[in-house]
Structures are given as C-alpha cells and as structure tokens.
Amino acid sequence: MSYRLSFWIEGSLPTLPSGASLIRSSETDPNGFKYYEYEISVRGATYISLSGTGTCKLDELRLHPLGAQMTTYCYDSGFRLSAQM
C-alpha cells in the first residue's frame, strides 16, 4: 500500500523509511520552515518510523493513504479559522 507523508520542518531532515520518494518540497518560508511531501510504499509493515539526529521542529505532520482526501483547518488565537488546506 502507498501512503503520502507531508510535513513542515525547521532544522535537520529526519531519516525516512526506505522506499520514500520525494514528491515536492518548497523554499524555506520567512519563519525558517520548509515543506516536504513524500510517497511511501509499505509492504507488510505495521508502523512507519521517522528518526534523526540533531534538532528539528516538525509541524503539520500528515500521513494518509495515497488517493485519500484530507482537510486540515488552522485557527488563530481567537479560535477563528485562518486557513484551510
């Protein structure tokens, strides 16, 4: 089965599972984060692991079957919808 893994990261990129192929990435945003999106093919595994050395901050980590639809909602400190992806 194939999955889509996406996240924003500041710092060192983690070690990804074997079989992960980069779909797209972005330029670093003004806050120092960069967006990555991967396709991961999994056969017979019961878990997926990310690991690394050094310091990083992960944001909006998403993992879902390839072809599935997912919507993420972001709210500001006043609980008002500020973004929908």
N, C-alpha and C. Protein backbone atom coordinates (compact mmCIF):
# COMPACT_ATOMS: atom_id res chain seq x y z
N MET A 1 0.84 -1.17 0.00
CA MET A 1 0.00 0.00 0.00
C MET A 1 0.89 1.24 0.00
N SER A 2 0.45 2.30 -0.64
CA SER A 2 1.22 3.55 -0.71
C SER A 2 0.56 4.63 0.13
N TYR A 3 1.41 5.41 0.77
CA TYR A 3 0.96 6.49 1.64
C TYR A 3 1.60 7.80 1.22
N ARG A 4 0.95 8.90 1.59
CA ARG A 4 1.52 10.22 1.41
C ARG A 4 1.91 10.74 2.78
N LEU A 5 3.16 11.17 2.92
CA LEU A 5 3.69 11.75 4.15
C LEU A 5 4.06 13.18 3.84
N SER A 6 3.53 14.13 4.61
CA SER A 6 3.90 15.53 4.39
C SER A 6 4.12 16.20 5.74
N PHE A 7 4.96 17.21 5.73
CA PHE A 7 5.26 17.95 6.96
C PHE A 7 6.03 19.22 6.63
N TRP A 8 5.99 20.16 7.58
CA TRP A 8 6.83 21.35 7.57
C TRP A 8 7.93 21.09 8.59
N ILE A 9 9.16 21.47 8.29
CA ILE A 9 10.27 21.21 9.21
C ILE A 9 11.22 22.40 9.26
N GLU A 10 11.71 22.65 10.46
CA GLU A 10 12.78 23.62 10.66
C GLU A 10 13.95 22.84 11.27
N GLY A 11 15.09 22.85 10.61
CA GLY A 11 16.23 22.11 11.11
C GLY A 11 16.54 20.91 10.23
N SER A 12 17.18 19.91 10.85
CA SER A 12 17.65 18.73 10.12
C SER A 12 16.49 17.86 9.64
N LEU A 13 16.59 17.40 8.41
CA LEU A 13 15.60 16.48 7.84
C LEU A 13 15.75 15.11 8.48
N PRO A 14 14.64 14.50 8.95
CA PRO A 14 14.75 13.17 9.58
C PRO A 14 15.07 12.09 8.55
N THR A 15 15.53 10.95 9.05
CA THR A 15 15.74 9.78 8.20
C THR A 15 14.37 9.18 7.90
N LEU A 16 14.07 9.00 6.64
CA LEU A 16 12.77 8.50 6.22
C LEU A 16 12.85 7.01 5.94
N PRO A 17 11.71 6.33 5.95
CA PRO A 17 11.70 4.89 5.64
C PRO A 17 12.24 4.63 4.24
N SER A 18 12.85 3.46 4.05
CA SER A 18 13.31 3.10 2.71
C SER A 18 12.08 3.02 1.80
N GLY A 19 12.26 3.39 0.58
CA GLY A 19 11.14 3.39 -0.37
C GLY A 19 10.42 4.72 -0.42
N ALA A 20 10.85 5.71 0.36
CA ALA A 20 10.22 7.03 0.34
C ALA A 20 10.76 7.80 -0.85
N SER A 21 9.88 8.36 -1.66
CA SER A 21 10.32 9.17 -2.80
C SER A 21 9.69 10.56 -2.70
N LEU A 22 10.53 11.57 -2.90
CA LEU A 22 10.10 12.95 -2.78
C LEU A 22 9.12 13.31 -3.90
N ILE A 23 7.98 13.86 -3.52
CA ILE A 23 7.00 14.33 -4.50
C ILE A 23 7.25 15.81 -4.77
N ARG A 24 7.40 16.59 -3.68
CA ARG A 24 7.69 18.01 -3.84
C ARG A 24 8.21 18.59 -2.53
N SER A 25 8.86 19.73 -2.66
CA SER A 25 9.32 20.49 -1.50
C SER A 25 9.21 21.97 -1.83
N SER A 26 9.28 22.79 -0.80
CA SER A 26 9.14 24.23 -1.01
C SER A 26 10.43 24.95 -0.63
N GLU A 27 10.46 26.21 -0.95
CA GLU A 27 11.53 27.08 -0.45
C GLU A 27 11.29 27.30 1.03
N THR A 28 12.30 27.69 1.77
CA THR A 28 12.15 27.99 3.19
C THR A 28 11.28 29.23 3.35
N ASP A 29 10.29 29.14 4.26
CA ASP A 29 9.41 30.28 4.49
C ASP A 29 10.08 31.30 5.42
N PRO A 30 9.47 32.47 5.63
CA PRO A 30 10.09 33.50 6.47
C PRO A 30 10.35 33.05 7.92
N ASN A 31 9.66 32.03 8.39
CA ASN A 31 9.85 31.53 9.75
C ASN A 31 10.92 30.44 9.84
N GLY A 32 11.52 30.08 8.70
CA GLY A 32 12.59 29.09 8.69
C GLY A 32 12.12 27.66 8.45
N PHE A 33 10.83 27.46 8.12
CA PHE A 33 10.30 26.12 7.87
C PHE A 33 10.28 25.84 6.38
N LYS A 34 10.45 24.56 6.03
CA LYS A 34 10.38 24.11 4.65
C LYS A 34 9.39 22.95 4.57
N TYR A 35 8.59 22.91 3.50
CA TYR A 35 7.56 21.89 3.31
C TYR A 35 8.10 20.74 2.47
N TYR A 36 7.80 19.50 2.91
CA TYR A 36 8.18 18.30 2.16
C TYR A 36 6.97 17.39 2.02
N GLU A 37 6.90 16.71 0.89
CA GLU A 37 5.83 15.74 0.64
C GLU A 37 6.46 14.52 -0.03
N TYR A 38 6.20 13.34 0.55
CA TYR A 38 6.78 12.08 0.08
C TYR A 38 5.69 11.05 -0.20
N GLU A 39 6.00 10.12 -1.10
CA GLU A 39 5.18 8.93 -1.27
C GLU A 39 5.98 7.78 -0.67
N ILE A 40 5.31 7.00 0.18
CA ILE A 40 5.97 5.87 0.84
C ILE A 40 5.22 4.60 0.48
N SER A 41 5.93 3.62 -0.06
CA SER A 41 5.35 2.31 -0.36
C SER A 41 5.66 1.38 0.81
N VAL A 42 4.62 0.79 1.36
CA VAL A 42 4.77 -0.08 2.54
C VAL A 42 4.23 -1.46 2.19
N ARG A 43 5.03 -2.48 2.50
CA ARG A 43 4.59 -3.86 2.27
C ARG A 43 4.77 -4.65 3.55
N GLY A 44 3.69 -5.04 4.17
CA GLY A 44 3.74 -5.88 5.35
C GLY A 44 4.19 -5.19 6.63
N ALA A 45 4.40 -3.87 6.62
CA ALA A 45 4.83 -3.17 7.83
C ALA A 45 3.62 -2.80 8.68
N THR A 46 3.82 -2.77 9.99
CA THR A 46 2.75 -2.37 10.89
C THR A 46 2.95 -0.97 11.44
N TYR A 47 4.11 -0.36 11.15
CA TYR A 47 4.36 1.01 11.58
C TYR A 47 5.36 1.67 10.63
N ILE A 48 5.38 3.00 10.67
CA ILE A 48 6.33 3.80 9.90
C ILE A 48 7.08 4.66 10.91
N SER A 49 8.38 4.71 10.79
CA SER A 49 9.21 5.42 11.76
C SER A 49 10.00 6.54 11.09
N LEU A 50 10.05 7.69 11.77
CA LEU A 50 10.94 8.79 11.37
C LEU A 50 11.97 8.91 12.47
N SER A 51 13.22 9.05 12.11
CA SER A 51 14.26 9.21 13.12
C SER A 51 15.30 10.18 12.61
N GLY A 52 16.14 10.66 13.52
CA GLY A 52 17.18 11.57 13.11
C GLY A 52 18.08 11.95 14.26
N THR A 53 19.10 12.69 13.92
CA THR A 53 20.00 13.23 14.94
C THR A 53 19.98 14.74 14.78
N GLY A 54 20.28 15.44 15.83
CA GLY A 54 20.23 16.89 15.78
C GLY A 54 18.88 17.40 16.22
N THR A 55 18.66 18.67 15.98
CA THR A 55 17.45 19.33 16.43
C THR A 55 16.58 19.70 15.24
N CYS A 56 15.30 19.44 15.37
CA CYS A 56 14.36 19.89 14.35
C CYS A 56 13.00 20.15 15.00
N LYS A 57 12.21 20.95 14.33
CA LYS A 57 10.83 21.19 14.75
C LYS A 57 9.94 20.74 13.60
N LEU A 58 9.01 19.84 13.90
CA LEU A 58 8.05 19.35 12.91
C LEU A 58 6.71 20.02 13.13
N ASP A 59 6.03 20.35 12.05
CA ASP A 59 4.70 20.95 12.14
C ASP A 59 3.82 20.33 11.05
N GLU A 60 2.56 20.17 11.36
CA GLU A 60 1.56 19.65 10.42
C GLU A 60 2.00 18.34 9.77
N LEU A 61 2.42 17.41 10.58
CA LEU A 61 2.78 16.06 10.10
C LEU A 61 1.50 15.36 9.68
N ARG A 62 1.45 14.90 8.45
CA ARG A 62 0.27 14.21 7.92
C ARG A 62 0.69 12.92 7.24
N LEU A 63 -0.04 11.85 7.52
CA LEU A 63 0.19 10.55 6.89
C LEU A 63 -1.17 9.96 6.54
N HIS A 64 -1.38 9.67 5.27
CA HIS A 64 -2.65 9.09 4.85
C HIS A 64 -2.46 8.28 3.58
N PRO A 65 -3.36 7.33 3.33
CA PRO A 65 -3.25 6.52 2.10
C PRO A 65 -3.25 7.41 0.86
N LEU A 66 -2.42 7.05 -0.10
CA LEU A 66 -2.35 7.78 -1.36
C LEU A 66 -3.73 7.74 -2.01
N GLY A 67 -4.21 8.86 -2.46
CA GLY A 67 -5.52 8.94 -3.07
C GLY A 67 -6.62 9.33 -2.11
N ALA A 68 -6.35 9.24 -0.80
CA ALA A 68 -7.35 9.66 0.19
C ALA A 68 -7.40 11.19 0.24
N GLN A 69 -8.51 11.71 0.68
CA GLN A 69 -8.66 13.15 0.82
C GLN A 69 -8.59 13.52 2.30
N MET A 70 -7.88 14.61 2.58
CA MET A 70 -7.75 15.07 3.96
C MET A 70 -7.82 16.59 3.95
N THR A 71 -8.54 17.15 4.89
CA THR A 71 -8.61 18.60 5.03
C THR A 71 -8.08 18.97 6.41
N THR A 72 -7.20 19.97 6.45
CA THR A 72 -6.65 20.48 7.70
C THR A 72 -7.17 21.89 7.91
N TYR A 73 -7.60 22.19 9.13
CA TYR A 73 -8.10 23.50 9.48
C TYR A 73 -7.15 24.14 10.48
N CYS A 74 -6.77 25.41 10.24
CA CYS A 74 -5.90 26.15 11.15
C CYS A 74 -6.69 27.31 11.75
N TYR A 75 -6.52 27.50 13.05
CA TYR A 75 -7.23 28.56 13.75
C TYR A 75 -6.25 29.51 14.40
N ASP A 76 -6.62 30.80 14.47
CA ASP A 76 -5.76 31.76 15.16
C ASP A 76 -6.05 31.72 16.66
N SER A 77 -5.38 32.55 17.43
CA SER A 77 -5.52 32.51 18.89
C SER A 77 -6.92 32.89 19.36
N GLY A 78 -7.71 33.54 18.51
CA GLY A 78 -9.09 33.87 18.85
C GLY A 78 -10.08 32.80 18.39
N PHE A 79 -9.57 31.63 18.02
CA PHE A 79 -10.36 30.48 17.55
C PHE A 79 -11.16 30.79 16.28
N ARG A 80 -10.60 31.67 15.46
CA ARG A 80 -11.20 31.97 14.15
C ARG A 80 -10.43 31.19 13.10
N LEU A 81 -11.13 30.64 12.14
CA LEU A 81 -10.50 29.88 11.05
C LEU A 81 -9.57 30.82 10.28
N SER A 82 -8.29 30.43 10.18
CA SER A 82 -7.33 31.28 9.48
C SER A 82 -6.82 30.63 8.18
N ALA A 83 -6.95 29.31 8.07
CA ALA A 83 -6.52 28.63 6.84
C ALA A 83 -7.19 27.27 6.75
N GLN A 84 -7.41 26.83 5.53
CA GLN A 84 -7.95 25.50 5.27
C GLN A 84 -7.17 24.90 4.13
N MET A 85 -6.61 23.69 4.34
CA MET A 85 -5.79 23.06 3.31
C MET A 85 -6.34 21.69 3.01
